[in-house]
Every structure is written in structure tokens, then in C-alpha cells.
N, C-alpha and C. Protein backbone atom coordinates (compact mmCIF):
# COMPACT_ATOMS: atom_id res chain seq x y z
N MET A 1 -11.89 18.97 -7.03
CA MET A 1 -10.86 18.37 -7.86
C MET A 1 -10.02 17.42 -7.01
N SER A 2 -9.77 16.22 -7.51
CA SER A 2 -9.00 15.26 -6.73
C SER A 2 -7.51 15.45 -6.99
N LYS A 3 -6.72 15.06 -6.00
CA LYS A 3 -5.28 15.20 -6.16
C LYS A 3 -4.76 14.04 -7.01
N PRO A 4 -3.61 14.24 -7.66
CA PRO A 4 -3.07 13.18 -8.52
C PRO A 4 -2.64 11.97 -7.70
N LEU A 5 -2.65 10.80 -8.34
CA LEU A 5 -2.23 9.58 -7.66
C LEU A 5 -0.73 9.66 -7.39
N PRO A 6 -0.32 9.17 -6.22
CA PRO A 6 1.10 9.23 -5.88
C PRO A 6 1.89 8.14 -6.61
N ILE A 7 3.18 8.34 -6.69
CA ILE A 7 4.09 7.30 -7.15
C ILE A 7 4.65 6.66 -5.89
N ILE A 8 4.33 5.40 -5.69
CA ILE A 8 4.77 4.69 -4.48
C ILE A 8 6.11 4.02 -4.77
N GLU A 9 7.09 4.29 -3.93
CA GLU A 9 8.43 3.76 -4.12
C GLU A 9 8.95 3.14 -2.83
N LEU A 10 10.01 2.35 -2.96
CA LEU A 10 10.70 1.80 -1.80
C LEU A 10 11.62 2.88 -1.24
N PRO A 11 11.93 2.90 0.03
CA PRO A 11 11.53 1.95 1.06
C PRO A 11 10.11 2.22 1.54
N LEU A 12 9.55 1.23 2.22
CA LEU A 12 8.22 1.34 2.81
C LEU A 12 8.35 1.45 4.33
N ASP A 13 7.30 1.92 4.97
CA ASP A 13 7.26 2.06 6.43
C ASP A 13 6.78 0.75 7.03
N TRP A 14 7.70 -0.01 7.62
CA TRP A 14 7.38 -1.31 8.20
C TRP A 14 7.55 -1.32 9.70
N ASP A 15 6.71 -2.11 10.36
CA ASP A 15 6.92 -2.47 11.76
C ASP A 15 6.27 -3.84 11.95
N GLU A 16 6.36 -4.35 13.13
CA GLU A 16 5.85 -5.70 13.40
C GLU A 16 4.36 -5.84 13.10
N SER A 17 3.61 -4.78 13.35
CA SER A 17 2.16 -4.82 13.16
C SER A 17 1.76 -5.02 11.70
N ASN A 18 2.30 -4.20 10.79
CA ASN A 18 1.85 -4.34 9.40
C ASN A 18 2.49 -5.55 8.71
N ILE A 19 3.67 -5.97 9.14
CA ILE A 19 4.24 -7.21 8.59
C ILE A 19 3.34 -8.38 8.98
N ASP A 20 2.93 -8.43 10.25
CA ASP A 20 2.07 -9.51 10.73
C ASP A 20 0.73 -9.53 10.00
N HIS A 21 0.14 -8.35 9.77
CA HIS A 21 -1.16 -8.29 9.10
C HIS A 21 -1.08 -8.85 7.69
N ALA A 22 -0.05 -8.48 6.95
CA ALA A 22 0.11 -9.00 5.58
C ALA A 22 0.33 -10.50 5.59
N GLN A 23 1.13 -10.97 6.53
CA GLN A 23 1.43 -12.40 6.57
C GLN A 23 0.20 -13.24 6.93
N ARG A 24 -0.75 -12.65 7.63
CA ARG A 24 -2.00 -13.38 7.92
C ARG A 24 -2.77 -13.68 6.64
N HIS A 25 -2.50 -12.92 5.58
CA HIS A 25 -3.12 -13.16 4.28
C HIS A 25 -2.20 -13.95 3.35
N GLY A 26 -1.08 -14.43 3.89
CA GLY A 26 -0.18 -15.25 3.11
C GLY A 26 0.73 -14.49 2.17
N ILE A 27 0.91 -13.19 2.41
CA ILE A 27 1.77 -12.36 1.57
C ILE A 27 2.97 -11.92 2.42
N SER A 28 4.17 -12.11 1.92
CA SER A 28 5.36 -11.75 2.68
C SER A 28 5.76 -10.29 2.42
N ARG A 29 6.59 -9.79 3.31
CA ARG A 29 7.14 -8.44 3.14
C ARG A 29 7.88 -8.34 1.80
N GLU A 30 8.66 -9.37 1.49
CA GLU A 30 9.42 -9.37 0.24
C GLU A 30 8.49 -9.30 -0.98
N GLU A 31 7.38 -10.03 -0.93
CA GLU A 31 6.43 -10.00 -2.05
C GLU A 31 5.80 -8.62 -2.20
N ILE A 32 5.47 -7.98 -1.10
CA ILE A 32 4.90 -6.62 -1.16
C ILE A 32 5.92 -5.67 -1.77
N GLU A 33 7.16 -5.77 -1.37
CA GLU A 33 8.19 -4.89 -1.93
C GLU A 33 8.41 -5.17 -3.41
N GLN A 34 8.28 -6.43 -3.82
CA GLN A 34 8.39 -6.77 -5.25
C GLN A 34 7.26 -6.12 -6.05
N VAL A 35 6.04 -6.16 -5.51
CA VAL A 35 4.91 -5.52 -6.19
C VAL A 35 5.20 -4.03 -6.40
N VAL A 36 5.68 -3.36 -5.35
CA VAL A 36 5.99 -1.92 -5.46
C VAL A 36 7.09 -1.69 -6.49
N ARG A 37 8.12 -2.50 -6.45
CA ARG A 37 9.26 -2.34 -7.38
C ARG A 37 8.86 -2.61 -8.83
N ASN A 38 7.87 -3.49 -9.03
CA ASN A 38 7.45 -3.89 -10.38
C ASN A 38 6.38 -2.99 -10.98
N LEU A 39 6.30 -1.75 -10.50
CA LEU A 39 5.42 -0.71 -11.05
C LEU A 39 3.95 -1.12 -11.14
N PRO A 40 3.28 -1.21 -9.99
CA PRO A 40 1.88 -1.62 -9.97
C PRO A 40 0.94 -0.53 -10.49
N ASP A 41 -0.29 -0.93 -10.81
CA ASP A 41 -1.34 0.04 -11.09
C ASP A 41 -1.77 0.62 -9.74
N VAL A 42 -1.93 1.94 -9.68
CA VAL A 42 -2.31 2.61 -8.43
C VAL A 42 -3.70 3.18 -8.61
N ARG A 43 -4.57 2.90 -7.63
CA ARG A 43 -5.92 3.45 -7.63
C ARG A 43 -6.24 3.99 -6.25
N GLN A 44 -7.11 4.98 -6.20
CA GLN A 44 -7.60 5.50 -4.92
C GLN A 44 -8.45 4.42 -4.26
N SER A 45 -8.24 4.20 -2.98
CA SER A 45 -9.07 3.26 -2.24
C SER A 45 -10.46 3.88 -2.08
N ARG A 46 -11.47 3.04 -2.12
CA ARG A 46 -12.86 3.51 -2.01
C ARG A 46 -13.60 2.65 -1.00
N ARG A 47 -14.52 3.29 -0.30
CA ARG A 47 -15.40 2.57 0.63
C ARG A 47 -16.79 3.14 0.43
N GLY A 48 -17.74 2.27 0.12
CA GLY A 48 -19.10 2.74 -0.13
C GLY A 48 -19.17 3.66 -1.33
N GLY A 49 -18.28 3.47 -2.31
CA GLY A 49 -18.27 4.28 -3.51
C GLY A 49 -17.58 5.63 -3.37
N LYS A 50 -17.11 5.95 -2.16
CA LYS A 50 -16.46 7.24 -1.93
C LYS A 50 -14.97 7.04 -1.70
N PRO A 51 -14.14 7.96 -2.20
CA PRO A 51 -12.69 7.85 -2.00
C PRO A 51 -12.32 7.91 -0.52
N VAL A 52 -11.35 7.10 -0.14
CA VAL A 52 -10.81 7.13 1.22
C VAL A 52 -9.50 7.91 1.16
N PRO A 53 -9.46 9.10 1.75
CA PRO A 53 -8.26 9.95 1.64
C PRO A 53 -7.00 9.24 2.13
N ASP A 54 -5.94 9.38 1.36
CA ASP A 54 -4.60 8.91 1.69
C ASP A 54 -4.43 7.38 1.67
N TYR A 55 -5.44 6.63 1.22
CA TYR A 55 -5.30 5.18 1.09
C TYR A 55 -5.39 4.81 -0.39
N TYR A 56 -4.45 3.94 -0.81
CA TYR A 56 -4.35 3.58 -2.22
C TYR A 56 -4.22 2.07 -2.37
N LEU A 57 -4.76 1.56 -3.48
CA LEU A 57 -4.62 0.15 -3.84
C LEU A 57 -3.55 0.04 -4.91
N LEU A 58 -2.60 -0.84 -4.68
CA LEU A 58 -1.55 -1.12 -5.65
C LEU A 58 -1.82 -2.53 -6.17
N GLU A 59 -2.12 -2.66 -7.44
CA GLU A 59 -2.35 -3.97 -8.03
C GLU A 59 -1.18 -4.28 -8.94
N GLY A 60 -0.47 -5.36 -8.62
CA GLY A 60 0.70 -5.69 -9.40
C GLY A 60 1.08 -7.15 -9.24
N VAL A 61 2.30 -7.45 -9.63
CA VAL A 61 2.78 -8.83 -9.59
C VAL A 61 4.11 -8.91 -8.86
N THR A 62 4.33 -10.08 -8.27
CA THR A 62 5.62 -10.37 -7.65
C THR A 62 6.58 -10.83 -8.74
N ASP A 63 7.83 -11.02 -8.38
CA ASP A 63 8.81 -11.52 -9.35
C ASP A 63 8.43 -12.90 -9.87
N ALA A 64 7.69 -13.67 -9.07
CA ALA A 64 7.26 -15.01 -9.48
C ALA A 64 5.96 -14.99 -10.27
N GLY A 65 5.37 -13.80 -10.46
CA GLY A 65 4.14 -13.69 -11.24
C GLY A 65 2.85 -13.76 -10.44
N ARG A 66 2.95 -13.79 -9.12
CA ARG A 66 1.76 -13.81 -8.27
C ARG A 66 1.10 -12.44 -8.32
N ARG A 67 -0.21 -12.41 -8.58
CA ARG A 67 -0.96 -11.15 -8.64
C ARG A 67 -1.41 -10.78 -7.23
N VAL A 68 -0.96 -9.61 -6.78
CA VAL A 68 -1.20 -9.19 -5.40
C VAL A 68 -1.74 -7.76 -5.39
N THR A 69 -2.67 -7.51 -4.48
CA THR A 69 -3.17 -6.16 -4.21
C THR A 69 -2.64 -5.75 -2.84
N VAL A 70 -2.03 -4.58 -2.79
CA VAL A 70 -1.48 -4.03 -1.55
C VAL A 70 -2.23 -2.73 -1.27
N ILE A 71 -2.70 -2.57 -0.05
CA ILE A 71 -3.31 -1.31 0.36
C ILE A 71 -2.28 -0.56 1.19
N VAL A 72 -2.02 0.69 0.79
CA VAL A 72 -1.04 1.50 1.50
C VAL A 72 -1.66 2.82 1.96
N LEU A 73 -1.09 3.33 3.02
CA LEU A 73 -1.38 4.68 3.51
C LEU A 73 -0.25 5.57 3.01
N TYR A 74 -0.58 6.68 2.36
CA TYR A 74 0.44 7.59 1.85
C TYR A 74 -0.11 9.01 1.83
N PRO A 75 0.59 9.96 2.36
CA PRO A 75 1.84 9.85 3.10
C PRO A 75 1.58 9.41 4.53
N VAL A 76 2.64 9.01 5.21
CA VAL A 76 2.56 8.62 6.61
C VAL A 76 2.65 9.89 7.45
N THR A 77 1.75 10.01 8.41
CA THR A 77 1.72 11.17 9.30
C THR A 77 2.23 10.76 10.68
N ARG A 78 3.11 11.55 11.21
CA ARG A 78 3.65 11.32 12.55
C ARG A 78 3.26 12.49 13.45
N LYS A 79 2.87 12.16 14.67
CA LYS A 79 2.53 13.19 15.65
C LYS A 79 3.62 13.20 16.72
N ARG A 80 4.09 14.37 17.03
CA ARG A 80 5.10 14.57 18.07
C ARG A 80 4.62 15.69 18.99
N ASP A 81 5.33 15.89 20.09
CA ASP A 81 4.95 16.95 21.04
C ASP A 81 4.87 18.31 20.35
N TRP A 82 5.76 18.54 19.42
CA TRP A 82 5.88 19.84 18.78
C TRP A 82 4.99 19.99 17.55
N GLY A 83 4.26 18.93 17.15
CA GLY A 83 3.35 19.06 16.01
C GLY A 83 3.23 17.80 15.19
N VAL A 84 2.61 17.94 14.04
CA VAL A 84 2.36 16.83 13.13
C VAL A 84 3.18 17.07 11.87
N TYR A 85 3.75 15.99 11.34
CA TYR A 85 4.47 16.12 10.08
C TYR A 85 4.24 14.89 9.20
N GLU A 86 4.42 15.07 7.91
CA GLU A 86 4.21 13.99 6.95
C GLU A 86 5.55 13.48 6.45
N LEU A 87 5.62 12.17 6.28
CA LEU A 87 6.79 11.54 5.69
C LEU A 87 6.44 11.11 4.27
N GLU A 88 7.31 11.37 3.34
CA GLU A 88 7.08 10.96 1.95
C GLU A 88 7.41 9.48 1.80
N ILE A 89 6.62 8.67 2.48
CA ILE A 89 6.82 7.23 2.49
C ILE A 89 5.45 6.57 2.59
N ALA A 90 5.33 5.37 2.03
CA ALA A 90 4.07 4.64 2.08
C ALA A 90 4.15 3.55 3.15
N ARG A 91 3.03 3.34 3.83
CA ARG A 91 2.94 2.29 4.84
C ARG A 91 1.95 1.23 4.36
N PRO A 92 2.43 0.01 4.10
CA PRO A 92 1.49 -1.06 3.75
C PRO A 92 0.55 -1.33 4.92
N VAL A 93 -0.74 -1.40 4.62
CA VAL A 93 -1.75 -1.68 5.64
C VAL A 93 -2.10 -3.16 5.62
N THR A 94 -2.29 -3.69 4.42
CA THR A 94 -2.56 -5.11 4.24
C THR A 94 -2.28 -5.48 2.79
N ALA A 95 -2.32 -6.76 2.51
CA ALA A 95 -2.12 -7.25 1.14
C ALA A 95 -2.85 -8.57 1.00
N TYR A 96 -3.29 -8.85 -0.22
CA TYR A 96 -4.01 -10.10 -0.47
C TYR A 96 -3.87 -10.44 -1.96
N ASP A 97 -4.16 -11.71 -2.26
CA ASP A 97 -4.14 -12.12 -3.67
C ASP A 97 -5.23 -11.36 -4.41
N THR A 98 -4.87 -10.85 -5.59
CA THR A 98 -5.83 -10.09 -6.40
C THR A 98 -6.86 -11.05 -6.97
N PRO A 99 -8.15 -10.77 -6.73
CA PRO A 99 -9.20 -11.64 -7.28
C PRO A 99 -9.18 -11.61 -8.82
N ARG A 100 -9.44 -12.74 -9.41
CA ARG A 100 -9.53 -12.83 -10.88
C ARG A 100 -10.79 -12.11 -11.34
N LYS A 101 -10.69 -11.36 -12.43
CA LYS A 101 -11.85 -10.67 -12.98
C LYS A 101 -12.58 -11.60 -13.93
N GLY A 102 -13.87 -11.42 -14.01
CA GLY A 102 -14.65 -12.18 -14.98
C GLY A 102 -15.34 -13.28 -14.33
């Protein structure tokens, strides 16, 4: 049985690395946050037809109407000397313009 899809909310887990990766595809941090705020469709990420645990596709629109797909990792896992813990926050991995269907 698969787990239910998460509700992805702001704030997101940002650092220089994931901001740079999104911008290489021409999507800004602000646009990604707009997609999250504008209640995107959430789907499990898949590779080779199989679900990829903890990775989700958010398909939505920016305030300007740009259709964007954002891939996020949720929840974020942190490792420390004393153990591993999960943060109830999503980390954008990349983003790109949503391909037109049809």
C-alpha cells in the first residue's frame, strides 16, 4: 500500500545549490514558491515506471500563468552525530517548464 501524497507548503528548504539548479532551467526561486502557493497537482515521481520514494512532482502555475513542474524531496532528512531526523519541509530539486500535452 502506498502512502498518501503530501501537502507541500511554504517555506521550502533552499540553499545555493538548489537555487542554482532551478535557475539553469530558467525558473526563479520566486516562481517555484508561487507554484507551491498556488496549490499545484502533486504526483509521485517515477523512474522506469516505478515510484521514487520521497520525490514528488508539483505541476502548477506561477502568478503570471507560466506552467511549471517542480520536483521536490519530502521530507528532508538531516544526519547529525547523534542520529538522523526528518524535517517536515520540502526541498526543491529542480524545476522546468511543463511540457504541453497532446
